[in-house]
Structure formats: C-alpha cells, structure tokens
Amino acid sequence: MSVVIPADIYLIDEPSAYLDSEQRIVASKVIKRFILHAKKTAFVVEHDFIMATYLADRVIVYEGKPSVDCVANLSSVIVDWRPFAW
C-alpha cells in the first residue's frame, strides 16, 4: 500500500493478495494503525474473512454471481467482532 496524497477516504482493494499469513498480520497492523492514527475512513475489499474482521468496524458479506447479480445480505453484517487480538 502506498499513500502518496492525503485523503479523507481510502479505498483499499485486496491488501492481502499474494501475502502469506505472517505478511497478512503485518499488513493488517500497518493499515489499521495508519487509519486510526490519521482518523480517516477506509473501504476495504477483502476476501480473507479473518483479515477483514480484524481491519473493519463493520463487515458486509455479498452473495451472488460477481459482476452479474450481487446482494448484500444484511443478516450477515458483522459489527465489532474481533476473533483475534493481533
């Protein structure tokens, strides 16, 4: 992740792609520390559910066929759920 220009909202697409489990933990900590310290908002698209729940205040799981028919299942919204204290 490279942050060149300061912004109010950051869009982060799959930060864990191609990272092993140890690198994912480090990346999660760096992203979370930056967002909390800068007091900014981030929208993170992530396929690693554990990383998503660590990074986010809210996780929304989409169901359906990507790029064709996708819906957010509101019953799957997870708020303040932390499985691990990394």
N, C-alpha and C. Protein backbone atom coordinates (compact mmCIF):
# COMPACT_ATOMS: atom_id res chain seq x y z
N MET A 1 0.85 -1.17 0.00
CA MET A 1 0.00 0.00 0.00
C MET A 1 0.89 1.23 0.00
N SER A 2 0.57 2.16 -0.85
CA SER A 2 1.32 3.40 -0.92
C SER A 2 0.34 4.56 -0.78
N VAL A 3 0.59 5.41 0.19
CA VAL A 3 -0.26 6.57 0.40
C VAL A 3 0.56 7.80 0.03
N VAL A 4 0.28 8.34 -1.15
CA VAL A 4 1.05 9.47 -1.65
C VAL A 4 0.32 10.78 -1.37
N ILE A 5 -0.96 10.81 -1.63
CA ILE A 5 -1.75 12.03 -1.46
C ILE A 5 -2.71 11.82 -0.29
N PRO A 6 -2.68 12.70 0.71
CA PRO A 6 -3.62 12.57 1.83
C PRO A 6 -5.07 12.65 1.34
N ALA A 7 -5.94 11.84 1.94
CA ALA A 7 -7.35 11.82 1.56
C ALA A 7 -8.20 11.64 2.81
N ASP A 8 -9.49 11.93 2.68
CA ASP A 8 -10.42 11.71 3.78
C ASP A 8 -10.90 10.26 3.81
N ILE A 9 -11.00 9.66 2.62
CA ILE A 9 -11.46 8.28 2.49
C ILE A 9 -10.46 7.52 1.62
N TYR A 10 -10.07 6.35 2.10
CA TYR A 10 -9.14 5.50 1.34
C TYR A 10 -9.89 4.26 0.86
N LEU A 11 -9.71 3.91 -0.41
CA LEU A 11 -10.27 2.69 -0.99
C LEU A 11 -9.13 1.70 -1.14
N ILE A 12 -9.20 0.60 -0.44
CA ILE A 12 -8.11 -0.37 -0.42
C ILE A 12 -8.65 -1.69 -0.96
N ASP A 13 -8.13 -2.13 -2.09
CA ASP A 13 -8.63 -3.32 -2.76
C ASP A 13 -7.70 -4.50 -2.53
N GLU A 14 -8.17 -5.49 -1.82
CA GLU A 14 -7.48 -6.74 -1.55
C GLU A 14 -6.03 -6.57 -1.09
N PRO A 15 -5.83 -5.94 0.05
CA PRO A 15 -4.46 -5.73 0.52
C PRO A 15 -3.72 -7.02 0.87
N SER A 16 -4.44 -8.12 1.06
CA SER A 16 -3.77 -9.37 1.42
C SER A 16 -3.43 -10.25 0.23
N ALA A 17 -3.75 -9.79 -0.98
CA ALA A 17 -3.47 -10.60 -2.16
C ALA A 17 -1.98 -10.93 -2.24
N TYR A 18 -1.67 -12.18 -2.46
CA TYR A 18 -0.31 -12.70 -2.64
C TYR A 18 0.54 -12.62 -1.38
N LEU A 19 -0.06 -12.39 -0.22
CA LEU A 19 0.70 -12.36 1.03
C LEU A 19 0.50 -13.66 1.79
N ASP A 20 1.55 -14.12 2.46
CA ASP A 20 1.38 -15.29 3.31
C ASP A 20 0.77 -14.85 4.64
N SER A 21 0.50 -15.79 5.53
CA SER A 21 -0.23 -15.46 6.76
C SER A 21 0.53 -14.48 7.64
N GLU A 22 1.84 -14.60 7.74
CA GLU A 22 2.62 -13.66 8.55
C GLU A 22 2.60 -12.26 7.96
N GLN A 23 2.72 -12.17 6.64
CA GLN A 23 2.68 -10.87 5.97
C GLN A 23 1.30 -10.22 6.10
N ARG A 24 0.25 -11.04 6.12
CA ARG A 24 -1.11 -10.51 6.28
C ARG A 24 -1.29 -9.85 7.64
N ILE A 25 -0.71 -10.47 8.67
CA ILE A 25 -0.79 -9.89 10.01
C ILE A 25 -0.09 -8.54 10.04
N VAL A 26 1.11 -8.48 9.46
CA VAL A 26 1.87 -7.22 9.42
C VAL A 26 1.10 -6.17 8.63
N ALA A 27 0.60 -6.55 7.45
CA ALA A 27 -0.15 -5.60 6.62
C ALA A 27 -1.39 -5.08 7.35
N SER A 28 -2.09 -5.97 8.05
CA SER A 28 -3.29 -5.57 8.80
C SER A 28 -2.94 -4.55 9.87
N LYS A 29 -1.87 -4.81 10.58
CA LYS A 29 -1.46 -3.88 11.64
C LYS A 29 -1.08 -2.52 11.08
N VAL A 30 -0.36 -2.51 9.96
CA VAL A 30 0.07 -1.24 9.35
C VAL A 30 -1.15 -0.45 8.87
N ILE A 31 -2.05 -1.11 8.17
CA ILE A 31 -3.25 -0.43 7.66
C ILE A 31 -4.09 0.11 8.81
N LYS A 32 -4.34 -0.74 9.81
CA LYS A 32 -5.18 -0.32 10.93
C LYS A 32 -4.55 0.84 11.70
N ARG A 33 -3.24 0.75 11.94
CA ARG A 33 -2.54 1.82 12.66
C ARG A 33 -2.62 3.13 11.89
N PHE A 34 -2.43 3.06 10.57
CA PHE A 34 -2.49 4.28 9.75
C PHE A 34 -3.88 4.91 9.81
N ILE A 35 -4.92 4.09 9.60
CA ILE A 35 -6.29 4.61 9.57
C ILE A 35 -6.68 5.20 10.92
N LEU A 36 -6.35 4.51 12.00
CA LEU A 36 -6.70 5.01 13.34
C LEU A 36 -5.92 6.27 13.69
N HIS A 37 -4.62 6.27 13.38
CA HIS A 37 -3.78 7.43 13.71
C HIS A 37 -4.19 8.66 12.90
N ALA A 38 -4.47 8.45 11.61
CA ALA A 38 -4.85 9.56 10.73
C ALA A 38 -6.32 9.97 10.92
N LYS A 39 -7.08 9.16 11.66
CA LYS A 39 -8.51 9.42 11.88
C LYS A 39 -9.25 9.57 10.56
N LYS A 40 -9.03 8.58 9.69
CA LYS A 40 -9.65 8.57 8.36
C LYS A 40 -10.56 7.37 8.22
N THR A 41 -11.27 7.33 7.10
CA THR A 41 -12.16 6.23 6.78
C THR A 41 -11.55 5.41 5.66
N ALA A 42 -11.70 4.10 5.74
CA ALA A 42 -11.21 3.22 4.68
C ALA A 42 -12.30 2.23 4.31
N PHE A 43 -12.48 2.03 3.01
CA PHE A 43 -13.33 0.96 2.49
C PHE A 43 -12.37 -0.09 1.98
N VAL A 44 -12.44 -1.27 2.55
CA VAL A 44 -11.51 -2.34 2.20
C VAL A 44 -12.28 -3.49 1.57
N VAL A 45 -11.86 -3.87 0.36
CA VAL A 45 -12.40 -5.06 -0.29
C VAL A 45 -11.43 -6.17 0.03
N GLU A 46 -11.92 -7.22 0.67
CA GLU A 46 -11.02 -8.28 1.13
C GLU A 46 -11.71 -9.63 1.08
N HIS A 47 -11.01 -10.64 0.58
CA HIS A 47 -11.56 -11.99 0.51
C HIS A 47 -11.15 -12.84 1.70
N ASP A 48 -10.16 -12.38 2.44
CA ASP A 48 -9.73 -13.08 3.66
C ASP A 48 -10.62 -12.59 4.79
N PHE A 49 -11.55 -13.44 5.21
CA PHE A 49 -12.56 -13.02 6.19
C PHE A 49 -11.94 -12.64 7.53
N ILE A 50 -10.92 -13.35 7.96
CA ILE A 50 -10.28 -13.04 9.24
C ILE A 50 -9.61 -11.67 9.17
N MET A 51 -8.91 -11.39 8.07
CA MET A 51 -8.28 -10.08 7.92
C MET A 51 -9.34 -8.98 7.86
N ALA A 52 -10.41 -9.24 7.15
CA ALA A 52 -11.49 -8.25 7.04
C ALA A 52 -12.08 -7.92 8.40
N THR A 53 -12.32 -8.94 9.22
CA THR A 53 -12.90 -8.69 10.53
C THR A 53 -11.93 -7.98 11.46
N TYR A 54 -10.64 -8.21 11.28
CA TYR A 54 -9.65 -7.51 12.10
C TYR A 54 -9.59 -6.03 11.72
N LEU A 55 -9.62 -5.75 10.42
CA LEU A 55 -9.47 -4.38 9.94
C LEU A 55 -10.72 -3.52 10.15
N ALA A 56 -11.88 -4.14 10.12
CA ALA A 56 -13.11 -3.37 9.98
C ALA A 56 -13.91 -3.21 11.27
N ASP A 57 -14.67 -2.12 11.30
CA ASP A 57 -15.70 -1.94 12.32
C ASP A 57 -16.96 -2.68 11.90
N ARG A 58 -17.11 -2.84 10.59
CA ARG A 58 -18.30 -3.48 10.04
C ARG A 58 -17.89 -4.27 8.80
N VAL A 59 -18.36 -5.52 8.72
CA VAL A 59 -18.09 -6.37 7.56
C VAL A 59 -19.42 -6.72 6.92
N ILE A 60 -19.50 -6.51 5.62
CA ILE A 60 -20.71 -6.86 4.87
C ILE A 60 -20.33 -7.94 3.87
N VAL A 61 -21.03 -9.06 3.92
CA VAL A 61 -20.76 -10.18 3.03
C VAL A 61 -21.75 -10.12 1.87
N TYR A 62 -21.21 -10.13 0.65
CA TYR A 62 -22.05 -10.12 -0.54
C TYR A 62 -22.24 -11.54 -1.04
N GLU A 63 -23.42 -11.80 -1.57
CA GLU A 63 -23.75 -13.11 -2.12
C GLU A 63 -24.19 -12.93 -3.57
N GLY A 64 -23.98 -13.96 -4.37
CA GLY A 64 -24.43 -13.93 -5.74
C GLY A 64 -23.31 -14.16 -6.71
N LYS A 65 -23.56 -13.82 -7.96
CA LYS A 65 -22.60 -14.02 -9.03
C LYS A 65 -21.88 -12.69 -9.27
N PRO A 66 -20.56 -12.63 -9.03
CA PRO A 66 -19.82 -11.37 -9.19
C PRO A 66 -20.03 -10.74 -10.57
N SER A 67 -20.18 -9.45 -10.58
CA SER A 67 -20.37 -8.63 -11.79
C SER A 67 -21.69 -8.89 -12.50
N VAL A 68 -22.53 -9.77 -11.97
CA VAL A 68 -23.80 -10.07 -12.62
C VAL A 68 -24.96 -9.74 -11.69
N ASP A 69 -25.00 -10.41 -10.56
CA ASP A 69 -26.11 -10.23 -9.63
C ASP A 69 -25.59 -10.45 -8.21
N CYS A 70 -25.34 -9.38 -7.50
CA CYS A 70 -24.80 -9.46 -6.14
C CYS A 70 -25.69 -8.68 -5.19
N VAL A 71 -25.91 -9.23 -4.02
CA VAL A 71 -26.68 -8.53 -3.00
C VAL A 71 -25.96 -8.64 -1.66
N ALA A 72 -26.13 -7.60 -0.86
CA ALA A 72 -25.60 -7.62 0.50
C ALA A 72 -26.66 -8.24 1.39
N ASN A 73 -26.30 -9.30 2.04
CA ASN A 73 -27.22 -9.96 2.96
C ASN A 73 -27.08 -9.27 4.31
N LEU A 74 -28.06 -8.47 4.68
CA LEU A 74 -27.97 -7.68 5.91
C LEU A 74 -27.90 -8.55 7.16
N SER A 75 -28.35 -9.78 7.07
CA SER A 75 -28.24 -10.66 8.23
C SER A 75 -26.79 -11.11 8.44
N SER A 76 -25.93 -10.88 7.44
CA SER A 76 -24.54 -11.28 7.58
C SER A 76 -23.63 -10.11 7.94
N VAL A 77 -24.20 -8.95 8.26
CA VAL A 77 -23.39 -7.81 8.68
C VAL A 77 -22.84 -8.10 10.07
N ILE A 78 -21.54 -7.97 10.19
CA ILE A 78 -20.88 -8.23 11.46
C ILE A 78 -20.37 -6.91 12.00
N VAL A 79 -20.73 -6.59 13.22
CA VAL A 79 -20.31 -5.34 13.84
C VAL A 79 -19.47 -5.63 15.06
N ASP A 80 -18.30 -5.01 15.13
CA ASP A 80 -17.41 -5.12 16.28
C ASP A 80 -17.15 -6.56 16.72
N TRP A 81 -16.83 -7.40 15.77
CA TRP A 81 -16.49 -8.79 16.08
C TRP A 81 -15.00 -8.96 15.89
N ARG A 82 -14.30 -9.35 16.92
CA ARG A 82 -12.85 -9.49 16.85
C ARG A 82 -12.46 -10.90 17.30
N PRO A 83 -12.17 -11.80 16.34
CA PRO A 83 -11.82 -13.16 16.73
C PRO A 83 -10.43 -13.27 17.35
N PHE A 84 -9.55 -12.37 16.97
CA PHE A 84 -8.17 -12.44 17.45
C PHE A 84 -7.71 -11.06 17.91
N ALA A 85 -6.87 -11.01 18.89
CA ALA A 85 -6.28 -9.74 19.34
C ALA A 85 -4.85 -9.69 18.83
N TRP A 86 -4.70 -9.47 17.54
CA TRP A 86 -3.37 -9.44 16.91
C TRP A 86 -2.61 -8.30 17.48
